[in-house]
Amino acid sequence: MARARLEDLGGLTRAQAHALRVVGVRNLEELRDAARAPSGRQALAERAGVAEATILEAARHADLCRIAGVGPDTADLLVRAGVGSVSELGQHQAPDLAKRCQKHLPERNRRRARMPSVGALHRWITRANSLPPGIES
């Protein structure tokens, strides 16, 4: 899989991704590091001219992308299903999360969208529990 770009993250436009790159945030890892704490998100928002809420949403997507097998599209689905971070993912049960994901598949893509299997969700939950915390509330 190709390395995800900032503009691939849900909630971030190309212009906003460009603004982040201008201030030195070039990839998902740098975004996670800069936006880990509320004070970092606030400072990044001010430097880049991007709303703090937008930074938080993109950072949550980037945080979920730390899990092997989770890319920007899957992270977007998980966020829509109510999972805001790796730590939150670790608190879910795979069958229940599968139902929530199914409800949040985009209508127009419901037939083509890649719905994660219960097994994949279980693996991601297990991996989430082995990772250090990412984005702070």
C-alpha atoms as a PDB file:
ATOM      1  CA  MET A   1       0.000   0.000   0.000  1.00  0.00           C
ATOM      2  CA  ALA A   2       1.247   3.468  -0.840  1.00  0.00           C
ATOM      3  CA  ARG A   3       2.049   5.715   2.067  1.00  0.00           C
ATOM      4  CA  ALA A   4      -0.982   7.829   2.993  1.00  0.00           C
ATOM      5  CA  ARG A   5      -0.786  11.560   2.392  1.00  0.00           C
ATOM      6  CA  LEU A   6      -2.265  14.280   4.573  1.00  0.00           C
ATOM      7  CA  GLU A   7      -4.947  15.051   1.980  1.00  0.00           C
ATOM      8  CA  ASP A   8      -6.055  11.403   2.126  1.00  0.00           C
ATOM      9  CA  LEU A   9      -7.278  11.909   5.694  1.00  0.00           C
ATOM     10  CA  GLY A  10     -10.964  12.484   6.314  1.00  0.00           C
ATOM     11  CA  GLY A  11     -11.850  16.041   7.192  1.00  0.00           C
ATOM     12  CA  LEU A  12      -8.777  17.629   5.611  1.00  0.00           C
ATOM     13  CA  THR A  13      -8.891  19.466   2.283  1.00  0.00           C
ATOM     14  CA  ARG A  14      -5.938  19.769  -0.082  1.00  0.00           C
ATOM     15  CA  ALA A  15      -5.565  23.416   0.874  1.00  0.00           C
ATOM     16  CA  GLN A  16      -5.486  22.549   4.570  1.00  0.00           C
ATOM     17  CA  ALA A  17      -2.977  19.735   3.942  1.00  0.00           C
ATOM     18  CA  HIS A  18      -0.829  22.250   2.033  1.00  0.00           C
ATOM     19  CA  ALA A  19      -1.052  24.735   4.929  1.00  0.00           C
ATOM     20  CA  LEU A  20       0.149  22.012   7.305  1.00  0.00           C
ATOM     21  CA  ARG A  21       3.081  21.155   5.033  1.00  0.00           C
ATOM     22  CA  VAL A  22       4.045  24.847   4.872  1.00  0.00           C
ATOM     23  CA  VAL A  23       4.470  24.864   8.668  1.00  0.00           C
ATOM     24  CA  GLY A  24       6.496  21.630   8.610  1.00  0.00           C
ATOM     25  CA  VAL A  25       3.904  18.884   9.044  1.00  0.00           C
ATOM     26  CA  ARG A  26       4.630  16.666   6.046  1.00  0.00           C
ATOM     27  CA  ASN A  27       3.090  13.303   6.921  1.00  0.00           C
ATOM     28  CA  LEU A  28       0.706  11.446   9.231  1.00  0.00           C
ATOM     29  CA  GLU A  29       3.359  10.733  11.853  1.00  0.00           C
ATOM     30  CA  GLU A  30       4.329  14.394  12.096  1.00  0.00           C
ATOM     31  CA  LEU A  31       0.653  15.355  12.339  1.00  0.00           C
ATOM     32  CA  ARG A  32       0.102  12.870  15.190  1.00  0.00           C
ATOM     33  CA  ASP A  33       3.156  14.163  17.023  1.00  0.00           C
ATOM     34  CA  ALA A  34       2.238  17.838  16.607  1.00  0.00           C
ATOM     35  CA  ALA A  35      -1.440  17.317  17.469  1.00  0.00           C
ATOM     36  CA  ARG A  36      -1.097  14.745  20.275  1.00  0.00           C
ATOM     37  CA  ALA A  37      -2.021  17.189  23.050  1.00  0.00           C
ATOM     38  CA  PRO A  38      -4.609  19.988  23.065  1.00  0.00           C
ATOM     39  CA  SER A  39      -1.870  22.623  23.412  1.00  0.00           C
ATOM     40  CA  GLY A  40      -0.089  21.228  20.342  1.00  0.00           C
ATOM     41  CA  ARG A  41      -3.314  21.258  18.318  1.00  0.00           C
ATOM     42  CA  GLN A  42      -3.962  24.854  19.305  1.00  0.00           C
ATOM     43  CA  ALA A  43      -0.443  25.946  18.342  1.00  0.00           C
ATOM     44  CA  LEU A  44      -0.586  24.034  15.059  1.00  0.00           C
ATOM     45  CA  ALA A  45      -3.991  25.528  14.229  1.00  0.00           C
ATOM     46  CA  GLU A  46      -2.673  29.037  14.805  1.00  0.00           C
ATOM     47  CA  ARG A  47       0.512  28.490  12.753  1.00  0.00           C
ATOM     48  CA  ALA A  48      -1.256  26.778   9.838  1.00  0.00           C
ATOM     49  CA  GLY A  49      -4.433  28.852   9.834  1.00  0.00           C
ATOM     50  CA  VAL A  50      -6.543  25.702  10.067  1.00  0.00           C
ATOM     51  CA  ALA A  51      -9.362  25.324  12.606  1.00  0.00           C
ATOM     52  CA  GLU A  52      -8.380  23.418  15.736  1.00  0.00           C
ATOM     53  CA  ALA A  53     -11.413  21.121  15.313  1.00  0.00           C
ATOM     54  CA  THR A  54     -10.178  20.229  11.823  1.00  0.00           C
ATOM     55  CA  ILE A  55      -6.711  19.472  13.184  1.00  0.00           C
ATOM     56  CA  LEU A  56      -8.256  17.218  15.849  1.00  0.00           C
ATOM     57  CA  GLU A  57     -10.381  15.333  13.319  1.00  0.00           C
ATOM     58  CA  ALA A  58      -7.420  14.767  11.007  1.00  0.00           C
ATOM     59  CA  ALA A  59      -5.215  13.733  13.947  1.00  0.00           C
ATOM     60  CA  ARG A  60      -7.818  11.154  15.015  1.00  0.00           C
ATOM     61  CA  HIS A  61      -7.792   9.678  11.515  1.00  0.00           C
ATOM     62  CA  ALA A  62      -3.981   9.680  11.498  1.00  0.00           C
ATOM     63  CA  ASP A  63      -3.922   8.021  14.920  1.00  0.00           C
ATOM     64  CA  LEU A  64      -6.064   5.136  13.671  1.00  0.00           C
ATOM     65  CA  CYS A  65      -3.739   4.716  10.690  1.00  0.00           C
ATOM     66  CA  ARG A  66      -1.024   3.546  13.138  1.00  0.00           C
ATOM     67  CA  ILE A  67      -2.762   0.167  13.129  1.00  0.00           C
ATOM     68  CA  ALA A  68      -1.493  -2.191  10.438  1.00  0.00           C
ATOM     69  CA  GLY A  69      -4.253  -2.675   7.878  1.00  0.00           C
ATOM     70  CA  VAL A  70      -6.055   0.583   8.648  1.00  0.00           C
ATOM     71  CA  GLY A  71      -5.698   3.249   5.974  1.00  0.00           C
ATOM     72  CA  PRO A  72      -7.408   6.616   5.602  1.00  0.00           C
ATOM     73  CA  ASP A  73     -10.685   5.201   4.211  1.00  0.00           C
ATOM     74  CA  THR A  74     -11.007   2.643   6.993  1.00  0.00           C
ATOM     75  CA  ALA A  75     -10.034   5.239   9.594  1.00  0.00           C
ATOM     76  CA  ASP A  76     -12.803   7.476   8.229  1.00  0.00           C
ATOM     77  CA  LEU A  77     -15.319   4.645   8.584  1.00  0.00           C
ATOM     78  CA  LEU A  78     -14.180   3.945  12.154  1.00  0.00           C
ATOM     79  CA  VAL A  79     -14.454   7.624  13.095  1.00  0.00           C
ATOM     80  CA  ARG A  80     -17.970   7.760  11.594  1.00  0.00           C
ATOM     81  CA  ALA A  81     -18.809   4.702  13.696  1.00  0.00           C
ATOM     82  CA  GLY A  82     -17.749   6.552  16.843  1.00  0.00           C
ATOM     83  CA  VAL A  83     -14.118   5.474  17.282  1.00  0.00           C
ATOM     84  CA  GLY A  84     -12.016   8.570  17.888  1.00  0.00           C
ATOM     85  CA  SER A  85      -8.595   7.096  18.608  1.00  0.00           C
ATOM     86  CA  VAL A  86      -6.530   3.948  18.907  1.00  0.00           C
ATOM     87  CA  SER A  87      -7.246   3.916  22.650  1.00  0.00           C
ATOM     88  CA  GLU A  88     -10.995   4.083  22.004  1.00  0.00           C
ATOM     89  CA  LEU A  89     -10.782   1.305  19.422  1.00  0.00           C
ATOM     90  CA  GLY A  90      -9.248  -0.954  22.057  1.00  0.00           C
ATOM     91  CA  GLN A  91     -12.402  -0.606  24.176  1.00  0.00           C
ATOM     92  CA  HIS A  92     -14.756  -2.010  21.526  1.00  0.00           C
ATOM     93  CA  GLN A  93     -16.024  -5.512  20.806  1.00  0.00           C
ATOM     94  CA  ALA A  94     -15.609  -6.600  17.186  1.00  0.00           C
ATOM     95  CA  PRO A  95     -19.214  -7.797  16.528  1.00  0.00           C
ATOM     96  CA  ASP A  96     -20.741  -4.608  17.933  1.00  0.00           C
ATOM     97  CA  LEU A  97     -18.292  -2.414  16.045  1.00  0.00           C
ATOM     98  CA  ALA A  98     -19.044  -4.293  12.814  1.00  0.00           C
ATOM     99  CA  LYS A  99     -22.731  -3.378  13.190  1.00  0.00           C
ATOM    100  CA  ARG A 100     -21.859   0.264  13.809  1.00  0.00           C
ATOM    101  CA  CYS A 101     -19.534   0.344  10.787  1.00  0.00           C
ATOM    102  CA  GLN A 102     -22.230  -1.172   8.575  1.00  0.00           C
ATOM    103  CA  LYS A 103     -24.606   1.625   9.570  1.00  0.00           C
ATOM    104  CA  HIS A 104     -22.030   4.274   8.674  1.00  0.00           C
ATOM    105  CA  LEU A 105     -20.947   3.070   5.249  1.00  0.00           C
ATOM    106  CA  PRO A 106     -21.570   5.888   2.793  1.00  0.00           C
ATOM    107  CA  GLU A 107     -24.906   5.215   1.047  1.00  0.00           C
ATOM    108  CA  ARG A 108     -23.612   5.740  -2.454  1.00  0.00           C
ATOM    109  CA  ASN A 109     -20.705   3.367  -1.865  1.00  0.00           C
ATOM    110  CA  ARG A 110     -22.468   0.756   0.245  1.00  0.00           C
ATOM    111  CA  ARG A 111     -22.026  -1.938  -2.399  1.00  0.00           C
ATOM    112  CA  ARG A 112     -18.446  -1.023  -3.280  1.00  0.00           C
ATOM    113  CA  ALA A 113     -17.141   0.097   0.102  1.00  0.00           C
ATOM    114  CA  ARG A 114     -14.829  -2.272   1.877  1.00  0.00           C
ATOM    115  CA  MET A 115     -16.578  -3.325   5.040  1.00  0.00           C
ATOM    116  CA  PRO A 116     -14.030  -4.769   7.474  1.00  0.00           C
ATOM    117  CA  SER A 117     -14.771  -8.299   8.597  1.00  0.00           C
ATOM    118  CA  VAL A 118     -15.366  -9.102  12.251  1.00  0.00           C
ATOM    119  CA  GLY A 119     -12.020 -10.915  12.189  1.00  0.00           C
ATOM    120  CA  ALA A 120     -10.206  -7.841  10.883  1.00  0.00           C
ATOM    121  CA  LEU A 121     -11.893  -5.666  13.496  1.00  0.00           C
ATOM    122  CA  HIS A 122     -10.862  -8.122  16.207  1.00  0.00           C
ATOM    123  CA  ARG A 123      -7.219  -8.000  15.005  1.00  0.00           C
ATOM    124  CA  TRP A 124      -7.287  -4.200  14.934  1.00  0.00           C
ATOM    125  CA  ILE A 125      -8.760  -4.063  18.441  1.00  0.00           C
ATOM    126  CA  THR A 126      -6.041  -6.434  19.666  1.00  0.00           C
ATOM    127  CA  ARG A 127      -3.349  -4.310  17.985  1.00  0.00           C
ATOM    128  CA  ALA A 128      -4.875  -1.130  19.406  1.00  0.00           C
ATOM    129  CA  ASN A 129      -4.519  -2.537  22.914  1.00  0.00           C
ATOM    130  CA  SER A 130      -0.800  -3.135  22.339  1.00  0.00           C
ATOM    131  CA  LEU A 131      -0.025   0.395  21.102  1.00  0.00           C
ATOM    132  CA  PRO A 132       0.859   3.356  23.308  1.00  0.00           C
ATOM    133  CA  PRO A 133      -1.810   6.055  23.631  1.00  0.00           C
ATOM    134  CA  GLY A 134      -1.938   8.517  20.777  1.00  0.00           C
ATOM    135  CA  ILE A 135      -4.201  11.559  20.626  1.00  0.00           C
ATOM    136  CA  GLU A 136      -5.203  13.100  23.957  1.00  0.00           C
ATOM    137  CA  SER A 137      -8.716  14.439  24.462  1.00  0.00           C
END
